[in-house]
Amino acid sequence: MAPFDDIDRAILNRIQSDFPMTSRPFRIIAENLGLTENDVLQHITTLKKRGVIRRIGGNFVPGKLGFVSTLCAAKVPKKKMAGFVKVVNRFPGVTHNYERDNIYNIWFTFIAPSMEKIESNLDKIAQETGIKDIINLPATKVYKIKAHFEL
């Protein structure tokens, strides 16, 4: 991967936290950094194409919106992994998933209006994929730290 230039670093540092809540956030970011809005958009587009930026979006506290969330782990044979992930990703409320080097090798987060809805969806996933070993690990206490990576 090509190294970041100073503008890439400045933009990445700026967009990680305190993203402007306005109709033209990239214009505000550009003004803060002494750039044009077009400069910022071009750099972000390039960073997305390079896979440095996966997505730009909000992170919400589910409980404050009347939702519950949980972390799930599944034991999926390698040959069924692609199909399993495809099914999981179809469900609204799955925010992301990832592979881990563990017997429980697919992990994903689920957000829904109730734990009953999450459990019902996990049952549907198991029925559709044939993967029965899915564990539901709801948080009993939430510890949040700010994840900001200064570049």
C-alpha atoms as a PDB file:
ATOM      1  CA  MET A   1       0.000   0.000   0.000  1.00  0.00           C
ATOM      2  CA  ALA A   2       1.299   3.445  -0.893  1.00  0.00           C
ATOM      3  CA  PRO A   3       2.173   5.668   2.051  1.00  0.00           C
ATOM      4  CA  PHE A   4      -0.110   8.461   3.167  1.00  0.00           C
ATOM      5  CA  ASP A   5       0.736  12.023   2.307  1.00  0.00           C
ATOM      6  CA  ASP A   6       0.300  14.886   4.790  1.00  0.00           C
ATOM      7  CA  ILE A   7      -3.169  15.728   3.443  1.00  0.00           C
ATOM      8  CA  ASP A   8      -4.327  12.093   3.776  1.00  0.00           C
ATOM      9  CA  ARG A   9      -3.100  12.048   7.379  1.00  0.00           C
ATOM     10  CA  ALA A  10      -4.792  15.342   8.213  1.00  0.00           C
ATOM     11  CA  ILE A  11      -8.095  14.201   6.710  1.00  0.00           C
ATOM     12  CA  LEU A  12      -7.977  10.776   8.392  1.00  0.00           C
ATOM     13  CA  ASN A  13      -7.173  12.341  11.759  1.00  0.00           C
ATOM     14  CA  ARG A  14     -10.002  14.870  11.350  1.00  0.00           C
ATOM     15  CA  ILE A  15     -12.806  12.533  10.237  1.00  0.00           C
ATOM     16  CA  GLN A  16     -12.365   9.901  12.964  1.00  0.00           C
ATOM     17  CA  SER A  17     -13.934  11.973  15.741  1.00  0.00           C
ATOM     18  CA  ASP A  18     -16.234  14.967  15.954  1.00  0.00           C
ATOM     19  CA  PHE A  19     -17.507  14.595  12.397  1.00  0.00           C
ATOM     20  CA  PRO A  20     -19.490  17.751  11.490  1.00  0.00           C
ATOM     21  CA  MET A  21     -23.252  17.267  11.661  1.00  0.00           C
ATOM     22  CA  THR A  22     -24.200  19.506   8.779  1.00  0.00           C
ATOM     23  CA  SER A  23     -25.425  19.171   5.206  1.00  0.00           C
ATOM     24  CA  ARG A  24     -21.888  19.896   3.920  1.00  0.00           C
ATOM     25  CA  PRO A  25     -19.519  18.198   6.405  1.00  0.00           C
ATOM     26  CA  PHE A  26     -16.648  17.951   3.942  1.00  0.00           C
ATOM     27  CA  ARG A  27     -16.749  21.710   3.377  1.00  0.00           C
ATOM     28  CA  ILE A  28     -16.357  22.252   7.140  1.00  0.00           C
ATOM     29  CA  ILE A  29     -13.499  19.739   7.266  1.00  0.00           C
ATOM     30  CA  ALA A  30     -11.861  21.455   4.286  1.00  0.00           C
ATOM     31  CA  GLU A  31     -12.107  24.855   5.987  1.00  0.00           C
ATOM     32  CA  ASN A  32     -10.572  23.407   9.172  1.00  0.00           C
ATOM     33  CA  LEU A  33      -7.662  21.985   7.179  1.00  0.00           C
ATOM     34  CA  GLY A  34      -7.100  24.885   4.783  1.00  0.00           C
ATOM     35  CA  LEU A  35      -8.239  22.827   1.781  1.00  0.00           C
ATOM     36  CA  THR A  36     -11.080  22.966  -0.695  1.00  0.00           C
ATOM     37  CA  GLU A  37     -14.132  20.762  -0.319  1.00  0.00           C
ATOM     38  CA  ASN A  38     -13.221  19.114  -3.636  1.00  0.00           C
ATOM     39  CA  ASP A  39      -9.690  18.338  -2.335  1.00  0.00           C
ATOM     40  CA  VAL A  40     -11.139  16.583   0.702  1.00  0.00           C
ATOM     41  CA  LEU A  41     -13.647  14.613  -1.386  1.00  0.00           C
ATOM     42  CA  GLN A  42     -10.969  13.539  -3.870  1.00  0.00           C
ATOM     43  CA  HIS A  43      -8.654  12.339  -1.089  1.00  0.00           C
ATOM     44  CA  ILE A  44     -11.487  10.454   0.645  1.00  0.00           C
ATOM     45  CA  THR A  45     -12.503   8.833  -2.650  1.00  0.00           C
ATOM     46  CA  THR A  46      -8.926   7.678  -3.230  1.00  0.00           C
ATOM     47  CA  LEU A  47      -8.600   6.401   0.344  1.00  0.00           C
ATOM     48  CA  LYS A  48     -11.849   4.437  -0.074  1.00  0.00           C
ATOM     49  CA  LYS A  49     -10.636   2.920  -3.361  1.00  0.00           C
ATOM     50  CA  ARG A  50      -7.377   1.913  -1.640  1.00  0.00           C
ATOM     51  CA  GLY A  51      -9.373   0.230   1.138  1.00  0.00           C
ATOM     52  CA  VAL A  52      -8.059   2.545   3.846  1.00  0.00           C
ATOM     53  CA  ILE A  53     -11.560   3.894   4.544  1.00  0.00           C
ATOM     54  CA  ARG A  54     -14.231   1.214   4.702  1.00  0.00           C
ATOM     55  CA  ARG A  55     -17.184   3.449   5.510  1.00  0.00           C
ATOM     56  CA  ILE A  56     -18.079   6.820   6.903  1.00  0.00           C
ATOM     57  CA  GLY A  57     -21.059   6.756   9.214  1.00  0.00           C
ATOM     58  CA  GLY A  58     -22.351   7.330  12.676  1.00  0.00           C
ATOM     59  CA  ASN A  59     -21.959   5.093  15.677  1.00  0.00           C
ATOM     60  CA  PHE A  60     -24.957   5.101  17.967  1.00  0.00           C
ATOM     61  CA  VAL A  61     -25.511   3.809  21.470  1.00  0.00           C
ATOM     62  CA  PRO A  62     -28.234   1.195  20.868  1.00  0.00           C
ATOM     63  CA  GLY A  63     -29.778   1.439  24.353  1.00  0.00           C
ATOM     64  CA  LYS A  64     -30.323   5.182  24.012  1.00  0.00           C
ATOM     65  CA  LEU A  65     -32.329   4.511  20.850  1.00  0.00           C
ATOM     66  CA  GLY A  66     -34.427   1.755  22.447  1.00  0.00           C
ATOM     67  CA  PHE A  67     -32.441  -1.129  20.943  1.00  0.00           C
ATOM     68  CA  VAL A  68     -30.334  -3.954  22.328  1.00  0.00           C
ATOM     69  CA  SER A  69     -27.092  -5.273  20.919  1.00  0.00           C
ATOM     70  CA  THR A  70     -25.065  -8.411  21.232  1.00  0.00           C
ATOM     71  CA  LEU A  71     -21.920 -10.052  19.982  1.00  0.00           C
ATOM     72  CA  CYS A  72     -22.379 -13.431  18.318  1.00  0.00           C
ATOM     73  CA  ALA A  73     -19.873 -16.134  17.492  1.00  0.00           C
ATOM     74  CA  ALA A  74     -20.353 -19.100  15.205  1.00  0.00           C
ATOM     75  CA  LYS A  75     -18.425 -22.272  14.505  1.00  0.00           C
ATOM     76  CA  VAL A  76     -18.450 -22.467  10.705  1.00  0.00           C
ATOM     77  CA  PRO A  77     -16.602 -25.029   8.546  1.00  0.00           C
ATOM     78  CA  LYS A  78     -14.356 -23.345   5.968  1.00  0.00           C
ATOM     79  CA  LYS A  79     -16.390 -24.735   3.063  1.00  0.00           C
ATOM     80  CA  LYS A  80     -19.577 -23.110   4.430  1.00  0.00           C
ATOM     81  CA  MET A  81     -18.042 -19.804   5.472  1.00  0.00           C
ATOM     82  CA  ALA A  82     -18.897 -17.702   2.381  1.00  0.00           C
ATOM     83  CA  GLY A  83     -22.524 -18.852   2.371  1.00  0.00           C
ATOM     84  CA  PHE A  84     -22.896 -18.334   6.110  1.00  0.00           C
ATOM     85  CA  VAL A  85     -21.508 -14.792   5.958  1.00  0.00           C
ATOM     86  CA  LYS A  86     -23.760 -13.964   3.005  1.00  0.00           C
ATOM     87  CA  VAL A  87     -26.843 -15.050   4.966  1.00  0.00           C
ATOM     88  CA  VAL A  88     -25.771 -13.196   8.132  1.00  0.00           C
ATOM     89  CA  ASN A  89     -25.142  -9.994   6.178  1.00  0.00           C
ATOM     90  CA  ARG A  90     -28.712 -10.005   4.818  1.00  0.00           C
ATOM     91  CA  PHE A  91     -30.195  -9.459   8.267  1.00  0.00           C
ATOM     92  CA  PRO A  92     -30.988  -5.884   9.246  1.00  0.00           C
ATOM     93  CA  GLY A  93     -29.163  -5.072  12.431  1.00  0.00           C
ATOM     94  CA  VAL A  94     -25.948  -6.937  11.626  1.00  0.00           C
ATOM     95  CA  THR A  95     -23.447  -4.116  11.790  1.00  0.00           C
ATOM     96  CA  HIS A  96     -20.313  -6.033  10.859  1.00  0.00           C
ATOM     97  CA  ASN A  97     -18.705  -9.431  11.023  1.00  0.00           C
ATOM     98  CA  TYR A  98     -15.212 -10.783  10.885  1.00  0.00           C
ATOM     99  CA  GLU A  99     -13.244 -14.000  10.824  1.00  0.00           C
ATOM    100  CA  ARG A 100     -11.153 -15.000  13.835  1.00  0.00           C
ATOM    101  CA  ASP A 101      -8.545 -17.689  14.241  1.00  0.00           C
ATOM    102  CA  ASN A 102     -10.568 -19.682  16.760  1.00  0.00           C
ATOM    103  CA  ILE A 103     -12.959 -22.649  16.771  1.00  0.00           C
ATOM    104  CA  TYR A 104     -15.645 -19.940  16.848  1.00  0.00           C
ATOM    105  CA  ASN A 105     -14.340 -18.419  13.663  1.00  0.00           C
ATOM    106  CA  ILE A 106     -17.082 -15.996  12.539  1.00  0.00           C
ATOM    107  CA  TRP A 107     -18.031 -13.170  14.886  1.00  0.00           C
ATOM    108  CA  PHE A 108     -20.702 -10.552  14.253  1.00  0.00           C
ATOM    109  CA  THR A 109     -22.620  -7.866  16.077  1.00  0.00           C
ATOM    110  CA  PHE A 110     -26.389  -7.694  16.019  1.00  0.00           C
ATOM    111  CA  ILE A 111     -28.654  -4.779  16.955  1.00  0.00           C
ATOM    112  CA  ALA A 112     -32.455  -5.091  17.206  1.00  0.00           C
ATOM    113  CA  PRO A 113     -35.453  -3.712  19.103  1.00  0.00           C
ATOM    114  CA  SER A 114     -35.343  -6.673  21.521  1.00  0.00           C
ATOM    115  CA  MET A 115     -33.239  -9.656  22.502  1.00  0.00           C
ATOM    116  CA  GLU A 116     -36.176 -11.842  21.425  1.00  0.00           C
ATOM    117  CA  LYS A 117     -35.834 -10.466  17.879  1.00  0.00           C
ATOM    118  CA  ILE A 118     -32.098 -11.177  17.885  1.00  0.00           C
ATOM    119  CA  GLU A 119     -32.691 -14.736  19.125  1.00  0.00           C
ATOM    120  CA  SER A 120     -35.383 -15.254  16.484  1.00  0.00           C
ATOM    121  CA  ASN A 121     -32.985 -14.041  13.780  1.00  0.00           C
ATOM    122  CA  LEU A 122     -30.212 -16.297  15.080  1.00  0.00           C
ATOM    123  CA  ASP A 123     -32.641 -19.230  14.831  1.00  0.00           C
ATOM    124  CA  LYS A 124     -33.432 -18.226  11.225  1.00  0.00           C
ATOM    125  CA  ILE A 125     -29.724 -18.010  10.405  1.00  0.00           C
ATOM    126  CA  ALA A 126     -29.167 -21.474  11.888  1.00  0.00           C
ATOM    127  CA  GLN A 127     -32.102 -22.944   9.953  1.00  0.00           C
ATOM    128  CA  GLU A 128     -31.057 -21.352   6.667  1.00  0.00           C
ATOM    129  CA  THR A 129     -27.351 -22.190   6.894  1.00  0.00           C
ATOM    130  CA  GLY A 130     -27.367 -25.450   8.820  1.00  0.00           C
ATOM    131  CA  ILE A 131     -24.908 -23.889  11.285  1.00  0.00           C
ATOM    132  CA  LYS A 132     -26.318 -24.640  14.728  1.00  0.00           C
ATOM    133  CA  ASP A 133     -23.340 -23.679  16.891  1.00  0.00           C
ATOM    134  CA  ILE A 134     -23.958 -19.931  17.214  1.00  0.00           C
ATOM    135  CA  ILE A 135     -23.499 -18.338  20.604  1.00  0.00           C
ATOM    136  CA  ASN A 136     -25.130 -15.111  21.722  1.00  0.00           C
ATOM    137  CA  LEU A 137     -22.920 -13.005  24.007  1.00  0.00           C
ATOM    138  CA  PRO A 138     -24.907  -9.975  25.161  1.00  0.00           C
ATOM    139  CA  ALA A 139     -22.953  -7.426  27.157  1.00  0.00           C
ATOM    140  CA  THR A 140     -23.733  -7.313  30.850  1.00  0.00           C
ATOM    141  CA  LYS A 141     -21.785  -4.082  31.257  1.00  0.00           C
ATOM    142  CA  VAL A 142     -20.606  -1.770  28.488  1.00  0.00           C
ATOM    143  CA  TYR A 143     -17.163  -0.225  28.537  1.00  0.00           C
ATOM    144  CA  LYS A 144     -16.585   2.299  25.801  1.00  0.00           C
ATOM    145  CA  ILE A 145     -13.297   3.832  24.965  1.00  0.00           C
ATOM    146  CA  LYS A 146     -12.700   6.326  22.239  1.00  0.00           C
ATOM    147  CA  ALA A 147     -10.947   4.642  19.345  1.00  0.00           C
ATOM    148  CA  HIS A 148      -8.989   7.354  17.570  1.00  0.00           C
ATOM    149  CA  PHE A 149      -5.849   6.480  15.684  1.00  0.00           C
ATOM    150  CA  GLU A 150      -3.563   9.475  15.332  1.00  0.00           C
ATOM    151  CA  LEU A 151      -1.686   9.154  12.039  1.00  0.00           C
END
